[in-house]
Amino acid sequence: MSVAFTKEESSETAAETQLPDRPVSDHPNLVTLNGLKQLEAELEKARSAYDAAAAIDDVNERRRQQAVPVRDARYFAERVRTAQIMPDPSSRETVAFGSTITYSRDDRPPQTYRIVGEDEADPKTGTISFASPVARALMGKSVGDVVELGDQELEIIAIA
């Protein structure tokens, strides 16, 4: 049946239930083993939320409640499918994917971050994406190296 022959509320609901896809980075989907596990957990969480919403009797409310889990499931399924697990760095001589680095910046206290995949990065918990400007500037560098990032200088203090 055409939307023209349904209640106005239903046509508004139909528009609400089709969310745009989450943006996917152009960078390769590099992940740590833990990052892959996080992606798989998020996919399962989205599937569970979809299944829980399927029990809602009201069709319009069910569609609204399923919209986000459907979108998230598409995103995480694609991220799991394209994930490229990166091994832990074999050396602590230079900064690489998976390295934990400590650097100083200007007069601020030293900062420590682990370089990880885009989906698992969370600076508040000490991880940054390999695609971030800081990580890109530090990749391949060694302890004592100084790199310019904008109008600041970063000096690598330690690599773990």
N, C-alpha and C. Protein backbone atom coordinates (compact mmCIF):
# COMPACT_ATOMS: atom_id res chain seq x y z
N MET A 1 0.84 -1.16 0.00
CA MET A 1 0.00 0.00 0.00
C MET A 1 0.89 1.24 0.00
N SER A 2 0.51 2.22 -0.76
CA SER A 2 1.25 3.47 -0.84
C SER A 2 1.16 4.22 0.48
N VAL A 3 2.21 4.95 0.79
CA VAL A 3 2.22 5.77 2.00
C VAL A 3 1.11 6.81 1.94
N ALA A 4 0.69 7.19 0.73
CA ALA A 4 -0.37 8.18 0.58
C ALA A 4 -1.68 7.71 1.19
N PHE A 5 -1.87 6.39 1.30
CA PHE A 5 -3.11 5.84 1.83
C PHE A 5 -3.00 5.41 3.29
N THR A 6 -1.95 5.81 3.95
CA THR A 6 -1.78 5.47 5.36
C THR A 6 -1.87 6.73 6.20
N LYS A 7 -1.95 6.54 7.48
CA LYS A 7 -1.99 7.69 8.37
C LYS A 7 -0.69 8.48 8.26
N GLU A 8 -0.77 9.79 8.44
CA GLU A 8 0.41 10.64 8.36
C GLU A 8 1.49 10.18 9.32
N GLU A 9 1.11 9.71 10.48
CA GLU A 9 2.08 9.23 11.47
C GLU A 9 2.93 8.10 10.89
N SER A 10 2.33 7.25 10.08
CA SER A 10 3.08 6.13 9.51
C SER A 10 4.12 6.59 8.51
N SER A 11 3.82 7.61 7.71
CA SER A 11 4.81 8.09 6.75
C SER A 11 5.98 8.74 7.47
N GLU A 12 5.70 9.44 8.57
CA GLU A 12 6.79 10.02 9.36
C GLU A 12 7.63 8.93 9.99
N THR A 13 6.99 7.89 10.46
CA THR A 13 7.70 6.78 11.10
C THR A 13 8.59 6.07 10.09
N ALA A 14 8.10 5.90 8.86
CA ALA A 14 8.91 5.24 7.84
C ALA A 14 10.19 6.01 7.58
N ALA A 15 10.11 7.32 7.55
CA ALA A 15 11.31 8.13 7.33
C ALA A 15 12.28 8.03 8.51
N GLU A 16 11.74 7.89 9.71
CA GLU A 16 12.58 7.81 10.91
C GLU A 16 13.33 6.48 10.99
N THR A 17 12.84 5.45 10.34
CA THR A 17 13.42 4.12 10.51
C THR A 17 14.52 3.80 9.51
N GLN A 18 14.81 4.69 8.61
CA GLN A 18 15.87 4.45 7.64
C GLN A 18 17.00 5.43 7.89
N LEU A 19 17.89 5.03 8.76
CA LEU A 19 19.02 5.89 9.10
C LEU A 19 20.13 5.75 8.08
N PRO A 20 20.88 6.83 7.83
CA PRO A 20 22.03 6.71 6.92
C PRO A 20 23.11 5.85 7.55
N ASP A 21 23.90 5.21 6.72
CA ASP A 21 24.99 4.38 7.21
C ASP A 21 26.01 5.22 7.97
N ARG A 22 26.65 4.57 8.93
CA ARG A 22 27.75 5.22 9.65
C ARG A 22 28.91 5.38 8.67
N PRO A 23 29.61 6.50 8.71
CA PRO A 23 30.73 6.68 7.77
C PRO A 23 31.86 5.69 8.06
N VAL A 24 32.46 5.20 6.98
CA VAL A 24 33.58 4.27 7.08
C VAL A 24 34.82 4.98 6.55
N SER A 25 35.88 4.89 7.29
CA SER A 25 37.14 5.54 6.93
C SER A 25 37.70 4.99 5.63
N ASP A 26 38.47 5.83 4.95
CA ASP A 26 39.17 5.39 3.74
C ASP A 26 40.45 4.64 4.06
N HIS A 27 40.90 4.70 5.32
CA HIS A 27 42.13 4.01 5.71
C HIS A 27 41.89 2.51 5.78
N PRO A 28 42.95 1.71 5.65
CA PRO A 28 42.78 0.27 5.85
C PRO A 28 42.28 0.01 7.27
N ASN A 29 41.53 -1.05 7.46
CA ASN A 29 40.93 -1.36 8.76
C ASN A 29 41.90 -2.19 9.60
N LEU A 30 42.99 -1.57 10.02
CA LEU A 30 43.99 -2.24 10.85
C LEU A 30 43.48 -2.30 12.28
N VAL A 31 43.63 -3.46 12.92
CA VAL A 31 43.16 -3.64 14.29
C VAL A 31 44.15 -4.50 15.07
N THR A 32 44.11 -4.33 16.38
CA THR A 32 44.81 -5.26 17.26
C THR A 32 43.87 -6.45 17.46
N LEU A 33 44.37 -7.52 18.05
CA LEU A 33 43.51 -8.66 18.36
C LEU A 33 42.38 -8.23 19.29
N ASN A 34 42.71 -7.41 20.28
CA ASN A 34 41.69 -6.89 21.18
C ASN A 34 40.68 -6.02 20.43
N GLY A 35 41.16 -5.26 19.46
CA GLY A 35 40.26 -4.42 18.65
C GLY A 35 39.27 -5.26 17.87
N LEU A 36 39.71 -6.39 17.32
CA LEU A 36 38.79 -7.28 16.61
C LEU A 36 37.74 -7.83 17.57
N LYS A 37 38.17 -8.20 18.76
CA LYS A 37 37.21 -8.69 19.76
C LYS A 37 36.19 -7.61 20.12
N GLN A 38 36.63 -6.36 20.21
CA GLN A 38 35.72 -5.25 20.49
C GLN A 38 34.70 -5.08 19.36
N LEU A 39 35.17 -5.17 18.11
CA LEU A 39 34.26 -5.07 16.96
C LEU A 39 33.22 -6.19 16.99
N GLU A 40 33.67 -7.40 17.27
CA GLU A 40 32.75 -8.54 17.32
C GLU A 40 31.73 -8.37 18.45
N ALA A 41 32.17 -7.83 19.59
CA ALA A 41 31.25 -7.59 20.71
C ALA A 41 30.22 -6.52 20.36
N GLU A 42 30.64 -5.48 19.67
CA GLU A 42 29.71 -4.43 19.25
C GLU A 42 28.70 -4.97 18.23
N LEU A 43 29.15 -5.85 17.34
CA LEU A 43 28.24 -6.48 16.38
C LEU A 43 27.20 -7.31 17.11
N GLU A 44 27.64 -8.09 18.07
CA GLU A 44 26.71 -8.92 18.85
C GLU A 44 25.74 -8.05 19.64
N LYS A 45 26.23 -6.95 20.19
CA LYS A 45 25.38 -6.02 20.93
C LYS A 45 24.29 -5.43 20.02
N ALA A 46 24.66 -5.07 18.80
CA ALA A 46 23.68 -4.53 17.85
C ALA A 46 22.65 -5.59 17.47
N ARG A 47 23.10 -6.80 17.27
CA ARG A 47 22.16 -7.89 16.93
C ARG A 47 21.21 -8.17 18.09
N SER A 48 21.72 -8.14 19.30
CA SER A 48 20.87 -8.36 20.48
C SER A 48 19.83 -7.25 20.64
N ALA A 49 20.25 -6.01 20.40
CA ALA A 49 19.30 -4.89 20.49
C ALA A 49 18.22 -5.00 19.43
N TYR A 50 18.60 -5.46 18.24
CA TYR A 50 17.62 -5.67 17.18
C TYR A 50 16.62 -6.75 17.59
N ASP A 51 17.13 -7.86 18.11
CA ASP A 51 16.26 -8.95 18.54
C ASP A 51 15.32 -8.50 19.66
N ALA A 52 15.82 -7.72 20.60
CA ALA A 52 14.98 -7.22 21.70
C ALA A 52 13.87 -6.32 21.16
N ALA A 53 14.20 -5.49 20.18
CA ALA A 53 13.20 -4.59 19.61
C ALA A 53 12.15 -5.36 18.79
N ALA A 54 12.52 -6.52 18.30
CA ALA A 54 11.58 -7.32 17.49
C ALA A 54 10.39 -7.78 18.32
N ALA A 55 10.52 -7.79 19.62
CA ALA A 55 9.43 -8.23 20.49
C ALA A 55 8.39 -7.14 20.75
N ILE A 56 8.64 -5.92 20.28
CA ILE A 56 7.70 -4.81 20.48
C ILE A 56 6.50 -5.02 19.57
N ASP A 57 5.31 -4.95 20.15
CA ASP A 57 4.08 -5.20 19.39
C ASP A 57 3.75 -4.11 18.38
N ASP A 58 3.88 -2.87 18.78
CA ASP A 58 3.54 -1.76 17.88
C ASP A 58 4.56 -1.68 16.75
N VAL A 59 4.09 -1.84 15.52
CA VAL A 59 4.99 -1.92 14.38
C VAL A 59 5.81 -0.64 14.20
N ASN A 60 5.19 0.50 14.41
CA ASN A 60 5.93 1.76 14.24
C ASN A 60 7.00 1.92 15.31
N GLU A 61 6.68 1.58 16.54
CA GLU A 61 7.67 1.67 17.61
C GLU A 61 8.78 0.63 17.39
N ARG A 62 8.42 -0.55 16.92
CA ARG A 62 9.41 -1.59 16.64
C ARG A 62 10.39 -1.09 15.58
N ARG A 63 9.89 -0.48 14.52
CA ARG A 63 10.77 0.06 13.47
C ARG A 63 11.70 1.12 14.03
N ARG A 64 11.15 2.01 14.86
CA ARG A 64 11.99 3.06 15.45
C ARG A 64 13.09 2.45 16.32
N GLN A 65 12.74 1.47 17.12
CA GLN A 65 13.71 0.85 18.03
C GLN A 65 14.73 -0.01 17.30
N GLN A 66 14.40 -0.50 16.12
CA GLN A 66 15.32 -1.34 15.36
C GLN A 66 16.24 -0.54 14.44
N ALA A 67 15.93 0.73 14.21
CA ALA A 67 16.69 1.52 13.24
C ALA A 67 18.18 1.62 13.59
N VAL A 68 18.50 1.97 14.81
CA VAL A 68 19.91 2.12 15.21
C VAL A 68 20.62 0.76 15.21
N PRO A 69 20.01 -0.29 15.80
CA PRO A 69 20.71 -1.58 15.75
C PRO A 69 20.95 -2.10 14.33
N VAL A 70 20.03 -1.85 13.42
CA VAL A 70 20.22 -2.28 12.03
C VAL A 70 21.40 -1.55 11.41
N ARG A 71 21.43 -0.24 11.61
CA ARG A 71 22.54 0.55 11.07
C ARG A 71 23.87 0.11 11.69
N ASP A 72 23.89 -0.06 13.01
CA ASP A 72 25.13 -0.46 13.69
C ASP A 72 25.57 -1.86 13.28
N ALA A 73 24.63 -2.77 13.11
CA ALA A 73 24.98 -4.13 12.68
C ALA A 73 25.62 -4.12 11.30
N ARG A 74 25.10 -3.30 10.40
CA ARG A 74 25.71 -3.18 9.06
C ARG A 74 27.15 -2.68 9.19
N TYR A 75 27.33 -1.65 9.99
CA TYR A 75 28.65 -1.06 10.16
C TYR A 75 29.63 -2.06 10.76
N PHE A 76 29.26 -2.66 11.89
CA PHE A 76 30.20 -3.56 12.57
C PHE A 76 30.43 -4.85 11.79
N ALA A 77 29.44 -5.33 11.07
CA ALA A 77 29.65 -6.52 10.22
C ALA A 77 30.70 -6.22 9.15
N GLU A 78 30.63 -5.04 8.57
CA GLU A 78 31.61 -4.65 7.55
C GLU A 78 32.99 -4.45 8.18
N ARG A 79 33.06 -3.86 9.35
CA ARG A 79 34.34 -3.64 10.01
C ARG A 79 34.98 -4.97 10.44
N VAL A 80 34.19 -5.93 10.89
CA VAL A 80 34.71 -7.25 11.22
C VAL A 80 35.21 -7.94 9.95
N ARG A 81 34.42 -7.83 8.88
CA ARG A 81 34.78 -8.48 7.61
C ARG A 81 36.08 -7.94 7.04
N THR A 82 36.32 -6.64 7.17
CA THR A 82 37.50 -6.03 6.56
C THR A 82 38.68 -5.88 7.52
N ALA A 83 38.52 -6.33 8.76
CA ALA A 83 39.58 -6.17 9.75
C ALA A 83 40.86 -6.88 9.34
N GLN A 84 41.97 -6.20 9.51
CA GLN A 84 43.29 -6.76 9.25
C GLN A 84 44.05 -6.74 10.59
N ILE A 85 44.16 -7.92 11.19
CA ILE A 85 44.83 -8.00 12.50
C ILE A 85 46.32 -7.75 12.32
N MET A 86 46.81 -6.81 13.11
CA MET A 86 48.22 -6.46 13.06
C MET A 86 48.91 -7.10 14.27
N PRO A 87 50.04 -7.75 14.03
CA PRO A 87 50.77 -8.33 15.17
C PRO A 87 51.37 -7.24 16.04
N ASP A 88 51.67 -7.60 17.28
CA ASP A 88 52.36 -6.67 18.16
C ASP A 88 53.71 -6.33 17.53
N PRO A 89 54.21 -5.13 17.76
CA PRO A 89 55.49 -4.76 17.17
C PRO A 89 56.60 -5.71 17.60
N SER A 90 57.47 -6.06 16.68
CA SER A 90 58.56 -6.98 16.99
C SER A 90 59.76 -6.25 17.61
N SER A 91 59.75 -4.94 17.53
CA SER A 91 60.87 -4.16 18.05
C SER A 91 60.34 -2.93 18.79
N ARG A 92 61.14 -2.49 19.74
CA ARG A 92 60.81 -1.26 20.45
C ARG A 92 61.76 -0.14 20.05
N GLU A 93 62.43 -0.35 18.94
CA GLU A 93 63.39 0.65 18.45
C GLU A 93 62.69 1.81 17.76
N THR A 94 61.61 1.52 17.04
CA THR A 94 60.89 2.57 16.33
C THR A 94 59.39 2.44 16.60
N VAL A 95 58.69 3.55 16.45
CA VAL A 95 57.25 3.59 16.67
C VAL A 95 56.55 2.87 15.51
N ALA A 96 55.63 1.96 15.88
CA ALA A 96 54.87 1.21 14.88
C ALA A 96 53.45 0.99 15.40
N PHE A 97 52.59 0.46 14.56
CA PHE A 97 51.23 0.12 14.97
C PHE A 97 51.34 -0.82 16.17
N GLY A 98 50.62 -0.52 17.23
CA GLY A 98 50.66 -1.34 18.44
C GLY A 98 51.65 -0.87 19.48
N SER A 99 52.53 0.05 19.11
CA SER A 99 53.51 0.57 20.08
C SER A 99 52.81 1.45 21.11
N THR A 100 53.37 1.42 22.32
CA THR A 100 52.96 2.37 23.34
C THR A 100 54.08 3.38 23.43
N ILE A 101 53.74 4.63 23.22
CA ILE A 101 54.75 5.68 23.16
C ILE A 101 54.50 6.73 24.22
N THR A 102 55.59 7.27 24.74
CA THR A 102 55.52 8.40 25.66
C THR A 102 56.27 9.53 24.98
N TYR A 103 55.63 10.68 24.93
CA TYR A 103 56.26 11.83 24.31
C TYR A 103 55.97 13.09 25.13
N SER A 104 56.83 14.07 24.96
CA SER A 104 56.61 15.35 25.61
C SER A 104 56.28 16.37 24.54
N ARG A 105 55.48 17.34 24.94
CA ARG A 105 55.05 18.38 24.01
C ARG A 105 55.15 19.71 24.74
N ASP A 106 56.00 20.59 24.25
CA ASP A 106 56.18 21.91 24.85
C ASP A 106 56.43 21.80 26.35
N ASP A 107 55.71 22.57 27.14
CA ASP A 107 55.91 22.57 28.59
C ASP A 107 54.90 21.71 29.31
N ARG A 108 54.21 20.86 28.61
CA ARG A 108 53.19 19.99 29.21
C ARG A 108 53.84 18.73 29.79
N PRO A 109 53.14 18.06 30.71
CA PRO A 109 53.66 16.79 31.21
C PRO A 109 53.69 15.75 30.08
N PRO A 110 54.56 14.75 30.17
CA PRO A 110 54.60 13.71 29.14
C PRO A 110 53.25 13.00 28.99
N GLN A 111 52.96 12.56 27.78
CA GLN A 111 51.74 11.82 27.49
C GLN A 111 52.10 10.45 26.97
N THR A 112 51.29 9.44 27.31
CA THR A 112 51.53 8.07 26.87
C THR A 112 50.28 7.54 26.18
N TYR A 113 50.47 7.00 24.98
CA TYR A 113 49.37 6.43 24.21
C TYR A 113 49.84 5.17 23.49
N ARG A 114 48.89 4.28 23.27
CA ARG A 114 49.14 3.10 22.42
C ARG A 114 48.49 3.37 21.08
N ILE A 115 49.19 3.06 20.00
CA ILE A 115 48.67 3.27 18.65
C ILE A 115 47.88 2.04 18.23
N VAL A 116 46.59 2.24 17.94
CA VAL A 116 45.67 1.14 17.64
C VAL A 116 44.81 1.48 16.42
N GLY A 117 43.85 0.62 16.12
CA GLY A 117 42.93 0.84 15.01
C GLY A 117 41.94 1.96 15.29
N GLU A 118 41.31 2.44 14.24
CA GLU A 118 40.41 3.59 14.37
C GLU A 118 39.22 3.32 15.28
N ASP A 119 38.61 2.16 15.19
CA ASP A 119 37.42 1.87 15.99
C ASP A 119 37.75 1.64 17.46
N GLU A 120 38.97 1.25 17.77
CA GLU A 120 39.32 0.96 19.16
C GLU A 120 40.02 2.14 19.85
N ALA A 121 40.29 3.20 19.11
CA ALA A 121 40.99 4.34 19.67
C ALA A 121 40.09 5.12 20.63
N ASP A 122 40.65 5.47 21.77
CA ASP A 122 39.96 6.28 22.77
C ASP A 122 41.02 7.01 23.60
N PRO A 123 41.35 8.24 23.21
CA PRO A 123 42.41 8.97 23.93
C PRO A 123 42.20 9.04 25.44
N LYS A 124 40.96 9.05 25.90
CA LYS A 124 40.70 9.11 27.34
C LYS A 124 41.23 7.87 28.06
N THR A 125 41.31 6.75 27.34
CA THR A 125 41.82 5.53 27.96
C THR A 125 43.25 5.19 27.52
N GLY A 126 43.89 6.12 26.81
CA GLY A 126 45.30 5.93 26.46
C GLY A 126 45.55 5.29 25.12
N THR A 127 44.60 5.35 24.20
CA THR A 127 44.83 4.81 22.86
C THR A 127 44.49 5.87 21.82
N ILE A 128 45.29 5.89 20.74
CA ILE A 128 45.02 6.79 19.62
C ILE A 128 45.06 5.99 18.32
N SER A 129 44.35 6.48 17.34
CA SER A 129 44.28 5.82 16.04
C SER A 129 45.59 5.98 15.28
N PHE A 130 45.95 4.95 14.55
CA PHE A 130 47.14 5.01 13.70
C PHE A 130 46.99 6.08 12.62
N ALA A 131 45.75 6.49 12.34
CA ALA A 131 45.49 7.49 11.31
C ALA A 131 45.47 8.91 11.87
N SER A 132 45.62 9.05 13.19
CA SER A 132 45.61 10.38 13.80
C SER A 132 46.87 11.14 13.41
N PRO A 133 46.80 12.46 13.40
CA PRO A 133 48.00 13.25 13.06
C PRO A 133 49.19 12.95 13.96
N VAL A 134 48.96 12.77 15.26
CA VAL A 134 50.07 12.49 16.18
C VAL A 134 50.72 11.16 15.83
N ALA A 135 49.92 10.12 15.66
CA ALA A 135 50.47 8.79 15.34
C ALA A 135 51.20 8.81 14.00
N ARG A 136 50.62 9.45 13.02
CA ARG A 136 51.28 9.50 11.70
C ARG A 136 52.63 10.22 11.80
N ALA A 137 52.70 11.28 12.61
CA ALA A 137 53.95 12.03 12.75
C ALA A 137 55.02 11.20 13.47
N LEU A 138 54.59 10.32 14.39
CA LEU A 138 55.55 9.56 15.19
C LEU A 138 55.96 8.21 14.58
N MET A 139 55.17 7.69 13.65
CA MET A 139 55.47 6.38 13.05
C MET A 139 56.88 6.37 12.45
N GLY A 140 57.62 5.31 12.78
CA GLY A 140 58.96 5.13 12.24
C GLY A 140 60.04 5.90 12.98
N LYS A 141 59.66 6.70 13.94
CA LYS A 141 60.64 7.49 14.69
C LYS A 141 61.16 6.69 15.89
N SER A 142 62.25 7.18 16.49
CA SER A 142 62.91 6.50 17.61
C SER A 142 62.93 7.40 18.84
N VAL A 143 63.31 6.80 19.98
CA VAL A 143 63.46 7.57 21.21
C VAL A 143 64.46 8.71 20.97
N GLY A 144 64.11 9.90 21.41
CA GLY A 144 64.97 11.07 21.25
C GLY A 144 64.63 11.88 20.01
N ASP A 145 63.91 11.29 19.06
CA ASP A 145 63.53 12.04 17.86
C ASP A 145 62.51 13.12 18.22
N VAL A 146 62.61 14.23 17.53
CA VAL A 146 61.67 15.34 17.70
C VAL A 146 60.97 15.54 16.37
N VAL A 147 59.64 15.61 16.43
CA VAL A 147 58.85 15.85 15.21
C VAL A 147 58.02 17.11 15.40
N GLU A 148 57.80 17.80 14.30
CA GLU A 148 56.95 18.98 14.33
C GLU A 148 55.54 18.58 13.96
N LEU A 149 54.60 19.09 14.74
CA LEU A 149 53.20 18.84 14.48
C LEU A 149 52.49 20.18 14.61
N GLY A 150 52.20 20.77 13.47
CA GLY A 150 51.65 22.12 13.50
C GLY A 150 52.69 23.07 14.03
N ASP A 151 52.33 23.82 15.06
CA ASP A 151 53.29 24.76 15.64
C ASP A 151 53.92 24.21 16.92
N GLN A 152 53.82 22.89 17.13
CA GLN A 152 54.37 22.27 18.33
C GLN A 152 55.44 21.24 17.95
N GLU A 153 56.29 20.94 18.92
CA GLU A 153 57.30 19.89 18.76
C GLU A 153 57.01 18.79 19.75
N LEU A 154 57.09 17.55 19.28
CA LEU A 154 56.91 16.39 20.13
C LEU A 154 58.23 15.62 20.18
N GLU A 155 58.67 15.29 21.38
CA GLU A 155 59.89 14.50 21.54
C GLU A 155 59.52 13.15 22.13
N ILE A 156 59.98 12.09 21.45
CA ILE A 156 59.70 10.74 21.91
C ILE A 156 60.61 10.42 23.08
N ILE A 157 60.00 10.08 24.21
CA ILE A 157 60.73 9.76 25.43
C ILE A 157 60.92 8.25 25.60
N ALA A 158 59.89 7.48 25.24
CA ALA A 158 59.97 6.02 25.41
C ALA A 158 59.05 5.33 24.41
N ILE A 159 59.44 4.11 24.05
CA ILE A 159 58.62 3.23 23.19
C ILE A 159 58.53 1.89 23.89
N ALA A 160 57.33 1.42 24.09
CA ALA A 160 57.13 0.12 24.75
C ALA A 160 56.29 -0.77 23.86
